[in-house]
PDB file of N, CA and C in Angstrom:
ATOM      1  N   UNK A   1     -43.916-159.607 -32.090  1.00  0.00           N
ATOM      2  CA  UNK A   1     -43.753-158.209 -32.386  1.00  0.00           C
ATOM      3  C   UNK A   1     -42.287-157.858 -32.633  1.00  0.00           C
ATOM      4  N   UNK A   2     -41.447-158.446 -31.800  1.00  0.00           N
ATOM      5  CA  UNK A   2     -40.030-158.096 -31.894  1.00  0.00           C
ATOM      6  C   UNK A   2     -39.448-158.433 -33.265  1.00  0.00           C
ATOM      7  N   UNK A   3     -39.768-159.620 -33.770  1.00  0.00           N
ATOM      8  CA  UNK A   3     -39.186-160.020 -35.060  1.00  0.00           C
ATOM      9  C   UNK A   3     -39.722-159.172 -36.206  1.00  0.00           C
ATOM     10  N   UNK A   4     -41.008-158.824 -36.152  1.00  0.00           N
ATOM     11  CA  UNK A   4     -41.555-157.986 -37.224  1.00  0.00           C
ATOM     12  C   UNK A   4     -40.960-156.584 -37.172  1.00  0.00           C
ATOM     13  N   UNK A   5     -40.815-156.036 -35.971  1.00  0.00           N
ATOM     14  CA  UNK A   5     -40.204-154.714 -35.841  1.00  0.00           C
ATOM     15  C   UNK A   5     -38.743-154.748 -36.274  1.00  0.00           C
ATOM     16  N   UNK A   6     -38.051-155.804 -35.885  1.00  0.00           N
ATOM     17  CA  UNK A   6     -36.645-155.933 -36.255  1.00  0.00           C
ATOM     18  C   UNK A   6     -36.480-156.069 -37.768  1.00  0.00           C
ATOM     19  N   UNK A   7     -37.306-156.900 -38.382  1.00  0.00           N
ATOM     20  CA  UNK A   7     -37.191-157.083 -39.831  1.00  0.00           C
ATOM     21  C   UNK A   7     -37.555-155.805 -40.580  1.00  0.00           C
ATOM     22  N   UNK A   8     -38.588-155.088 -40.112  1.00  0.00           N
ATOM     23  CA  UNK A   8     -38.926-153.813 -40.759  1.00  0.00           C
ATOM     24  C   UNK A   8     -37.822-152.785 -40.558  1.00  0.00           C
ATOM     25  N   UNK A   9     -37.203-152.798 -39.393  1.00  0.00           N
ATOM     26  CA  UNK A   9     -36.084-151.891 -39.156  1.00  0.00           C
ATOM     27  C   UNK A   9     -34.908-152.191 -40.064  1.00  0.00           C
ATOM     28  N   UNK A  10     -34.604-153.468 -40.241  1.00  0.00           N
ATOM     29  CA  UNK A  10     -33.502-153.853 -41.128  1.00  0.00           C
ATOM     30  C   UNK A  10     -33.821-153.481 -42.570  1.00  0.00           C
ATOM     31  N   UNK A  11     -35.062-153.733 -42.989  1.00  0.00           N
ATOM     32  CA  UNK A  11     -35.459-153.391 -44.357  1.00  0.00           C
ATOM     33  C   UNK A  11     -35.394-151.884 -44.579  1.00  0.00           C
ATOM     34  N   UNK A  12     -35.850-151.103 -43.598  1.00  0.00           N
ATOM     35  CA  UNK A  12     -35.799-149.646 -43.763  1.00  0.00           C
ATOM     36  C   UNK A  12     -34.353-149.153 -43.785  1.00  0.00           C
ATOM     37  N   UNK A  13     -33.478-149.748 -42.968  1.00  0.00           N
ATOM     38  CA  UNK A  13     -32.062-149.361 -42.991  1.00  0.00           C
ATOM     39  C   UNK A  13     -31.429-149.695 -44.341  1.00  0.00           C
ATOM     40  N   UNK A  14     -31.683-150.899 -44.849  1.00  0.00           N
ATOM     41  CA  UNK A  14     -31.120-151.284 -46.145  1.00  0.00           C
ATOM     42  C   UNK A  14     -31.668-150.408 -47.269  1.00  0.00           C
ATOM     43  N   UNK A  15     -32.954-150.074 -47.187  1.00  0.00           N
ATOM     44  CA  UNK A  15     -33.541-149.197 -48.199  1.00  0.00           C
ATOM     45  C   UNK A  15     -32.895-147.826 -48.159  1.00  0.00           C
ATOM     46  N   UNK A  16     -32.672-147.310 -46.944  1.00  0.00           N
ATOM     47  CA  UNK A  16     -32.033-145.998 -46.828  1.00  0.00           C
ATOM     48  C   UNK A  16     -30.601-146.041 -47.353  1.00  0.00           C
ATOM     49  N   UNK A  17     -29.886-147.126 -47.061  1.00  0.00           N
ATOM     50  CA  UNK A  17     -28.514-147.258 -47.566  1.00  0.00           C
ATOM     51  C   UNK A  17     -28.504-147.348 -49.095  1.00  0.00           C
ATOM     52  N   UNK A  18     -29.429-148.113 -49.676  1.00  0.00           N
ATOM     53  CA  UNK A  18     -29.525-148.190 -51.134  1.00  0.00           C
ATOM     54  C   UNK A  18     -29.953-146.857 -51.730  1.00  0.00           C
ATOM     55  N   UNK A  19     -30.802-146.123 -50.999  1.00  0.00           N
ATOM     56  CA  UNK A  19     -31.200-144.781 -51.430  1.00  0.00           C
ATOM     57  C   UNK A  19     -29.975-143.877 -51.521  1.00  0.00           C
ATOM     58  N   UNK A  20     -29.134-143.909 -50.496  1.00  0.00           N
ATOM     59  CA  UNK A  20     -27.925-143.082 -50.510  1.00  0.00           C
ATOM     60  C   UNK A  20     -26.994-143.471 -51.651  1.00  0.00           C
ATOM     61  N   UNK A  21     -26.823-144.775 -51.876  1.00  0.00           N
ATOM     62  CA  UNK A  21     -25.961-145.234 -52.974  1.00  0.00           C
ATOM     63  C   UNK A  21     -26.514-144.799 -54.326  1.00  0.00           C
ATOM     64  N   UNK A  22     -27.821-144.908 -54.516  1.00  0.00           N
ATOM     65  CA  UNK A  22     -28.439-144.497 -55.781  1.00  0.00           C
ATOM     66  C   UNK A  22     -28.316-142.995 -55.987  1.00  0.00           C
ATOM     67  N   UNK A  23     -28.498-142.236 -54.910  1.00  0.00           N
ATOM     68  CA  UNK A  23     -28.371-140.782 -55.010  1.00  0.00           C
ATOM     69  C   UNK A  23     -26.950-140.383 -55.388  1.00  0.00           C
ATOM     70  N   UNK A  24     -25.975-140.992 -54.734  1.00  0.00           N
ATOM     71  CA  UNK A  24     -24.572-140.671 -55.050  1.00  0.00           C
ATOM     72  C   UNK A  24     -24.219-141.077 -56.477  1.00  0.00           C
ATOM     73  N   UNK A  25     -24.705-142.229 -56.897  1.00  0.00           N
ATOM     74  CA  UNK A  25     -24.451-142.686 -58.264  1.00  0.00           C
ATOM     75  C   UNK A  25     -25.137-141.762 -59.272  1.00  0.00           C
ATOM     76  N   UNK A  26     -26.346-141.320 -58.954  1.00  0.00           N
ATOM     77  CA  UNK A  26     -27.063-140.393 -59.833  1.00  0.00           C
ATOM     78  C   UNK A  26     -26.278-139.094 -59.986  1.00  0.00           C
ATOM     79  N   UNK A  27     -25.816-138.551 -58.865  1.00  0.00           N
ATOM     80  CA  UNK A  27     -25.068-137.287 -58.933  1.00  0.00           C
ATOM     81  C   UNK A  27     -23.771-137.447 -59.719  1.00  0.00           C
ATOM     82  N   UNK A  28     -23.101-138.580 -59.550  1.00  0.00           N
ATOM     83  CA  UNK A  28     -21.871-138.835 -60.303  1.00  0.00           C
ATOM     84  C   UNK A  28     -22.160-138.954 -61.797  1.00  0.00           C
ATOM     85  N   UNK A  29     -23.180-139.734 -62.162  1.00  0.00           N
ATOM     86  CA  UNK A  29     -23.517-139.899 -63.584  1.00  0.00           C
ATOM     87  C   UNK A  29     -24.023-138.597 -64.187  1.00  0.00           C
ATOM     88  N   UNK A  30     -24.719-137.790 -63.400  1.00  0.00           N
ATOM     89  CA  UNK A  30     -25.186-136.500 -63.897  1.00  0.00           C
ATOM     90  C   UNK A  30     -24.018-135.565 -64.168  1.00  0.00           C
ATOM     91  N   UNK A  31     -23.023-135.585 -63.297  1.00  0.00           N
ATOM     92  CA  UNK A  31     -21.826-134.762 -63.512  1.00  0.00           C
ATOM     93  C   UNK A  31     -21.054-135.235 -64.740  1.00  0.00           C
ATOM     94  N   UNK A  32     -20.912-136.560 -64.879  1.00  0.00           N
ATOM     95  CA  UNK A  32     -20.225-137.098 -66.064  1.00  0.00           C
ATOM     96  C   UNK A  32     -21.015-136.784 -67.333  1.00  0.00           C
ATOM     97  N   UNK A  33     -22.329-136.802 -67.245  1.00  0.00           N
ATOM     98  CA  UNK A  33     -23.185-136.470 -68.390  1.00  0.00           C
ATOM     99  C   UNK A  33     -22.954-135.027 -68.827  1.00  0.00           C
ATOM    100  N   UNK A  34     -22.886-134.116 -67.867  1.00  0.00           N
ATOM    101  CA  UNK A  34     -22.698-132.702 -68.200  1.00  0.00           C
ATOM    102  C   UNK A  34     -21.284-132.394 -68.689  1.00  0.00           C
ATOM    103  N   UNK A  35     -20.321-133.179 -68.264  1.00  0.00           N
ATOM    104  CA  UNK A  35     -18.929-132.903 -68.634  1.00  0.00           C
ATOM    105  C   UNK A  35     -18.469-133.632 -69.888  1.00  0.00           C
ATOM    106  N   UNK A  36     -19.279-134.506 -70.443  1.00  0.00           N
ATOM    107  CA  UNK A  36     -18.859-135.297 -71.600  1.00  0.00           C
ATOM    108  C   UNK A  36     -19.265-134.610 -72.907  1.00  0.00           C
ATOM    109  N   UNK A  37     -18.441-134.812 -73.935  1.00  0.00           N
ATOM    110  CA  UNK A  37     -18.735-134.287 -75.271  1.00  0.00           C
ATOM    111  C   UNK A  37     -19.029-135.401 -76.269  1.00  0.00           C
ATOM    112  N   UNK A  38     -18.721-136.630 -75.930  1.00  0.00           N
ATOM    113  CA  UNK A  38     -18.924-137.770 -76.799  1.00  0.00           C
ATOM    114  C   UNK A  38     -20.401-138.177 -76.747  1.00  0.00           C
ATOM    115  N   UNK A  39     -21.010-138.344 -77.915  1.00  0.00           N
ATOM    116  CA  UNK A  39     -22.446-138.657 -77.971  1.00  0.00           C
ATOM    117  C   UNK A  39     -22.777-139.996 -77.316  1.00  0.00           C
ATOM    118  N   UNK A  40     -21.931-140.992 -77.524  1.00  0.00           N
ATOM    119  CA  UNK A  40     -22.182-142.304 -76.934  1.00  0.00           C
ATOM    120  C   UNK A  40     -22.082-142.244 -75.411  1.00  0.00           C
ATOM    121  N   UNK A  41     -21.077-141.521 -74.927  1.00  0.00           N
ATOM    122  CA  UNK A  41     -20.939-141.384 -73.472  1.00  0.00           C
ATOM    123  C   UNK A  41     -22.109-140.610 -72.876  1.00  0.00           C
ATOM    124  N   UNK A  42     -22.547-139.558 -73.576  1.00  0.00           N
ATOM    125  CA  UNK A  42     -23.680-138.762 -73.095  1.00  0.00           C
ATOM    126  C   UNK A  42     -24.917-139.639 -72.988  1.00  0.00           C
ATOM    127  N   UNK A  43     -25.174-140.441 -74.012  1.00  0.00           N
ATOM    128  CA  UNK A  43     -26.344-141.326 -73.989  1.00  0.00           C
ATOM    129  C   UNK A  43     -26.215-142.364 -72.874  1.00  0.00           C
ATOM    130  N   UNK A  44     -25.020-142.902 -72.706  1.00  0.00           N
ATOM    131  CA  UNK A  44     -24.792-143.897 -71.656  1.00  0.00           C
ATOM    132  C   UNK A  44     -25.003-143.287 -70.271  1.00  0.00           C
ATOM    133  N   UNK A  45     -24.387-142.122 -70.019  1.00  0.00           N
ATOM    134  CA  UNK A  45     -24.513-141.486 -68.700  1.00  0.00           C
ATOM    135  C   UNK A  45     -25.944-141.038 -68.428  1.00  0.00           C
ATOM    136  N   UNK A  46     -26.622-140.613 -69.470  1.00  0.00           N
ATOM    137  CA  UNK A  46     -28.023-140.219 -69.282  1.00  0.00           C
ATOM    138  C   UNK A  46     -28.870-141.422 -68.889  1.00  0.00           C
ATOM    139  N   UNK A  47     -28.667-142.538 -69.563  1.00  0.00           N
ATOM    140  CA  UNK A  47     -29.413-143.756 -69.224  1.00  0.00           C
ATOM    141  C   UNK A  47     -29.111-144.232 -67.807  1.00  0.00           C
ATOM    142  N   UNK A  48     -27.833-144.177 -67.436  1.00  0.00           N
ATOM    143  CA  UNK A  48     -27.453-144.572 -66.080  1.00  0.00           C
ATOM    144  C   UNK A  48     -28.048-143.628 -65.036  1.00  0.00           C
ATOM    145  N   UNK A  49     -28.028-142.325 -65.345  1.00  0.00           N
ATOM    146  CA  UNK A  49     -28.586-141.344 -64.409  1.00  0.00           C
ATOM    147  C   UNK A  49     -30.097-141.529 -64.263  1.00  0.00           C
ATOM    148  N   UNK A  50     -30.784-141.814 -65.364  1.00  0.00           N
ATOM    149  CA  UNK A  50     -32.229-142.043 -65.281  1.00  0.00           C
ATOM    150  C   UNK A  50     -32.553-143.296 -64.465  1.00  0.00           C
ATOM    151  N   UNK A  51     -31.762-144.352 -64.648  1.00  0.00           N
ATOM    152  CA  UNK A  51     -31.970-145.574 -63.869  1.00  0.00           C
ATOM    153  C   UNK A  51     -31.683-145.328 -62.385  1.00  0.00           C
ATOM    154  N   UNK A  52     -30.623-144.578 -62.105  1.00  0.00           N
ATOM    155  CA  UNK A  52     -30.311-144.253 -60.709  1.00  0.00           C
ATOM    156  C   UNK A  52     -31.406-143.401 -60.087  1.00  0.00           C
ATOM    157  N   UNK A  53     -32.002-142.511 -60.874  1.00  0.00           N
ATOM    158  CA  UNK A  53     -33.100-141.683 -60.352  1.00  0.00           C
ATOM    159  C   UNK A  53     -34.310-142.548 -59.995  1.00  0.00           C
ATOM    160  N   UNK A  54     -34.618-143.506 -60.842  1.00  0.00           N
ATOM    161  CA  UNK A  54     -35.742-144.406 -60.554  1.00  0.00           C
ATOM    162  C   UNK A  54     -35.453-145.248 -59.306  1.00  0.00           C
ATOM    163  N   UNK A  55     -34.226-145.744 -59.183  1.00  0.00           N
ATOM    164  CA  UNK A  55     -33.852-146.506 -57.983  1.00  0.00           C
ATOM    165  C   UNK A  55     -33.928-145.625 -56.736  1.00  0.00           C
ATOM    166  N   UNK A  56     -33.476-144.383 -56.870  1.00  0.00           N
ATOM    167  CA  UNK A  56     -33.512-143.428 -55.776  1.00  0.00           C
ATOM    168  C   UNK A  56     -34.946-143.225 -55.294  1.00  0.00           C
ATOM    169  N   UNK A  57     -35.876-143.052 -56.217  1.00  0.00           N
ATOM    170  CA  UNK A  57     -37.279-142.865 -55.832  1.00  0.00           C
ATOM    171  C   UNK A  57     -37.843-144.122 -55.180  1.00  0.00           C
ATOM    172  N   UNK A  58     -37.546-145.289 -55.756  1.00  0.00           N
ATOM    173  CA  UNK A  58     -38.081-146.546 -55.235  1.00  0.00           C
ATOM    174  C   UNK A  58     -37.590-146.814 -53.809  1.00  0.00           C
ATOM    175  N   UNK A  59     -36.287-146.670 -53.579  1.00  0.00           N
ATOM    176  CA  UNK A  59     -35.739-146.939 -52.250  1.00  0.00           C
ATOM    177  C   UNK A  59     -36.209-145.902 -51.228  1.00  0.00           C
ATOM    178  N   UNK A  60     -36.379-144.681 -51.662  1.00  0.00           N
ATOM    179  CA  UNK A  60     -36.894-143.647 -50.762  1.00  0.00           C
ATOM    180  C   UNK A  60     -38.323-143.980 -50.330  1.00  0.00           C
ATOM    181  N   UNK A  61     -39.163-144.343 -51.282  1.00  0.00           N
ATOM    182  CA  UNK A  61     -40.550-144.688 -50.963  1.00  0.00           C
ATOM    183  C   UNK A  61     -40.626-145.942 -50.090  1.00  0.00           C
ATOM    184  N   UNK A  62     -39.756-146.907 -50.336  1.00  0.00           N
ATOM    185  CA  UNK A  62     -39.751-148.128 -49.533  1.00  0.00           C
ATOM    186  C   UNK A  62     -39.330-147.841 -48.097  1.00  0.00           C
ATOM    187  N   UNK A  63     -38.312-147.011 -47.913  1.00  0.00           N
ATOM    188  CA  UNK A  63     -37.868-146.666 -46.563  1.00  0.00           C
ATOM    189  C   UNK A  63     -38.953-145.901 -45.816  1.00  0.00           C
ATOM    190  N   UNK A  64     -39.592-144.959 -46.473  1.00  0.00           N
ATOM    191  CA  UNK A  64     -40.674-144.191 -45.840  1.00  0.00           C
ATOM    192  C   UNK A  64     -41.832-145.107 -45.481  1.00  0.00           C
ATOM    193  N   UNK A  65     -42.176-146.035 -46.352  1.00  0.00           N
ATOM    194  CA  UNK A  65     -43.268-146.967 -46.093  1.00  0.00           C
ATOM    195  C   UNK A  65     -42.965-147.844 -44.878  1.00  0.00           C
ATOM    196  N   UNK A  66     -41.749-148.367 -44.793  1.00  0.00           N
ATOM    197  CA  UNK A  66     -41.379-149.222 -43.659  1.00  0.00           C
ATOM    198  C   UNK A  66     -41.408-148.444 -42.349  1.00  0.00           C
ATOM    199  N   UNK A  67     -40.938-147.208 -42.368  1.00  0.00           N
ATOM    200  CA  UNK A  67     -40.964-146.396 -41.151  1.00  0.00           C
ATOM    201  C   UNK A  67     -42.405-146.088 -40.748  1.00  0.00           C
ATOM    202  N   UNK A  68     -43.275-145.860 -41.712  1.00  0.00           N
ATOM    203  CA  UNK A  68     -44.692-145.638 -41.397  1.00  0.00           C
ATOM    204  C   UNK A  68     -45.308-146.884 -40.771  1.00  0.00           C
ATOM    205  N   UNK A  69     -44.986-148.048 -41.304  1.00  0.00           N
ATOM    206  CA  UNK A  69     -45.506-149.301 -40.742  1.00  0.00           C
ATOM    207  C   UNK A  69     -45.010-149.486 -39.311  1.00  0.00           C
ATOM    208  N   UNK A  70     -43.742-149.175 -39.055  1.00  0.00           N
ATOM    209  CA  UNK A  70     -43.199-149.278 -37.699  1.00  0.00           C
ATOM    210  C   UNK A  70     -43.957-148.330 -36.773  1.00  0.00           C
ATOM    211  N   UNK A  71     -44.202-147.109 -37.224  1.00  0.00           N
ATOM    212  CA  UNK A  71     -44.946-146.137 -36.419  1.00  0.00           C
ATOM    213  C   UNK A  71     -46.355-146.593 -36.116  1.00  0.00           C
ATOM    214  N   UNK A  72     -47.037-147.144 -37.113  1.00  0.00           N
ATOM    215  CA  UNK A  72     -48.391-147.657 -36.890  1.00  0.00           C
ATOM    216  C   UNK A  72     -48.362-148.823 -35.906  1.00  0.00           C
ATOM    217  N   UNK A  73     -47.348-149.668 -36.006  1.00  0.00           N
ATOM    218  CA  UNK A  73     -47.219-150.781 -35.061  1.00  0.00           C
ATOM    219  C   UNK A  73     -47.025-150.291 -33.636  1.00  0.00           C
ATOM    220  N   UNK A  74     -46.199-149.271 -33.458  1.00  0.00           N
ATOM    221  CA  UNK A  74     -45.980-148.723 -32.121  1.00  0.00           C
ATOM    222  C   UNK A  74     -47.253-148.084 -31.574  1.00  0.00           C
ATOM    223  N   UNK A  75     -47.950-147.328 -32.404  1.00  0.00           N
ATOM    224  CA  UNK A  75     -49.203-146.698 -31.953  1.00  0.00           C
ATOM    225  C   UNK A  75     -50.235-147.757 -31.602  1.00  0.00           C
ATOM    226  N   UNK A  76     -50.374-148.777 -32.441  1.00  0.00           N
ATOM    227  CA  UNK A  76     -51.320-149.854 -32.176  1.00  0.00           C
ATOM    228  C   UNK A  76     -50.961-150.581 -30.886  1.00  0.00           C
ATOM    229  N   UNK A  77     -49.702-150.875 -30.696  1.00  0.00           N
ATOM    230  CA  UNK A  77     -49.264-151.562 -29.488  1.00  0.00           C
ATOM    231  C   UNK A  77     -49.518-150.701 -28.247  1.00  0.00           C
ATOM    232  N   UNK A  78     -49.293-149.397 -28.344  1.00  0.00           N
ATOM    233  CA  UNK A  78     -49.543-148.500 -27.228  1.00  0.00           C
ATOM    234  C   UNK A  78     -51.021-148.456 -26.879  1.00  0.00           C
ATOM    235  N   UNK A  79     -51.867-148.333 -27.884  1.00  0.00           N
ATOM    236  CA  UNK A  79     -53.309-148.321 -27.634  1.00  0.00           C
ATOM    237  C   UNK A  79     -53.786-149.652 -27.066  1.00  0.00           C
ATOM    238  N   UNK A  80     -53.271-150.735 -27.579  1.00  0.00           N
ATOM    239  CA  UNK A  80     -53.648-152.050 -27.075  1.00  0.00           C
ATOM    240  C   UNK A  80     -53.243-152.197 -25.609  1.00  0.00           C
ATOM    241  N   UNK A  81     -52.038-151.765 -25.276  1.00  0.00           N
ATOM    242  CA  UNK A  81     -51.590-151.857 -23.886  1.00  0.00           C
ATOM    243  C   UNK A  81     -52.424-150.961 -22.977  1.00  0.00           C
ATOM    244  N   UNK A  82     -52.848-149.825 -23.477  1.00  0.00           N
ATOM    245  CA  UNK A  82     -53.643-148.910 -22.677  1.00  0.00           C
ATOM    246  C   UNK A  82     -55.046-149.468 -22.439  1.00  0.00           C
ATOM    247  N   UNK A  83     -55.618-150.101 -23.463  1.00  0.00           N
ATOM    248  CA  UNK A  83     -56.981-150.635 -23.338  1.00  0.00           C
ATOM    249  C   UNK A  83     -56.997-151.946 -22.572  1.00  0.00           C
ATOM    250  N   UNK A  84     -56.111-152.861 -22.897  1.00  0.00           N
ATOM    251  CA  UNK A  84     -56.141-154.206 -22.332  1.00  0.00           C
ATOM    252  C   UNK A  84     -55.135-154.382 -21.199  1.00  0.00           C
ATOM    253  N   UNK A  85     -54.338-153.385 -20.940  1.00  0.00           N
ATOM    254  CA  UNK A  85     -53.242-153.492 -19.983  1.00  0.00           C
ATOM    255  C   UNK A  85     -53.639-153.977 -18.604  1.00  0.00           C
ATOM    256  N   UNK A  86     -52.685-154.094 -17.720  1.00  0.00           N
ATOM    257  CA  UNK A  86     -52.948-154.623 -16.388  1.00  0.00           C
ATOM    258  C   UNK A  86     -53.919-153.738 -15.610  1.00  0.00           C
ATOM    259  N   UNK A  87     -54.722-154.385 -14.787  1.00  0.00           N
ATOM    260  CA  UNK A  87     -55.699-153.697 -13.955  1.00  0.00           C
ATOM    261  C   UNK A  87     -55.256-153.797 -12.498  1.00  0.00           C
ATOM    262  N   UNK A  88     -55.692-152.880 -11.691  1.00  0.00           N
ATOM    263  CA  UNK A  88     -55.372-152.997 -10.267  1.00  0.00           C
ATOM    264  C   UNK A  88     -55.905-154.300  -9.689  1.00  0.00           C
ATOM    265  N   UNK A  89     -55.154-154.872  -8.790  1.00  0.00           N
ATOM    266  CA  UNK A  89     -55.512-156.199  -8.278  1.00  0.00           C
ATOM    267  C   UNK A  89     -56.824-156.192  -7.501  1.00  0.00           C
ATOM    268  N   UNK A  90     -57.222-155.080  -6.903  1.00  0.00           N
ATOM    269  CA  UNK A  90     -58.468-155.089  -6.136  1.00  0.00           C
ATOM    270  C   UNK A  90     -59.691-155.142  -7.021  1.00  0.00           C
ATOM    271  N   UNK A  91     -59.568-154.837  -8.305  1.00  0.00           N
ATOM    272  CA  UNK A  91     -60.712-154.942  -9.200  1.00  0.00           C
ATOM    273  C   UNK A  91     -60.744-156.274  -9.932  1.00  0.00           C
ATOM    274  N   UNK A  92     -59.659-157.015  -9.914  1.00  0.00           N
ATOM    275  CA  UNK A  92     -59.596-158.272 -10.644  1.00  0.00           C
ATOM    276  C   UNK A  92     -60.085-159.434  -9.777  1.00  0.00           C
ATOM    277  N   UNK A  93     -59.585-159.524  -8.567  1.00  0.00           N
ATOM    278  CA  UNK A  93     -59.895-160.670  -7.708  1.00  0.00           C
ATOM    279  C   UNK A  93     -60.966-160.287  -6.698  1.00  0.00           C
ATOM    280  N   UNK A  94     -61.889-161.184  -6.536  1.00  0.00           N
ATOM    281  CA  UNK A  94     -62.975-160.952  -5.590  1.00  0.00           C
ATOM    282  C   UNK A  94     -62.834-161.924  -4.446  1.00  0.00           C
ATOM    283  N   UNK A  95     -62.851-161.397  -3.250  1.00  0.00           N
ATOM    284  CA  UNK A  95     -62.749-162.256  -2.080  1.00  0.00           C
ATOM    285  C   UNK A  95     -64.133-162.834  -1.770  1.00  0.00           C
ATOM    286  N   UNK A  96     -64.214-164.125  -1.450  1.00  0.00           N
ATOM    287  CA  UNK A  96     -65.489-164.780  -1.160  1.00  0.00           C
ATOM    288  C   UNK A  96     -65.709-164.887   0.289  1.00  0.00           C
TER     289      UNK A  96
END
């Protein structure tokens, strides 16, 4: 459990960090797109902004998915511990 939770946590952190980088890059390219008068630069910044927007959506969805999986794992583990967890010793062992 520990390794799966740890790996999902690392993946969600990296996804969130990439999400932030894509968002910042999108905002920068969008500002450059609005401030440029050159047609080639406008087309270039628009393409970069569209790619950053797609990356932003992908990393956001990946981070949300990983956090949901972590939550389901915690809920499942809690229910499993509640159902199968330790029992009082007087009900487990029978004296002969």
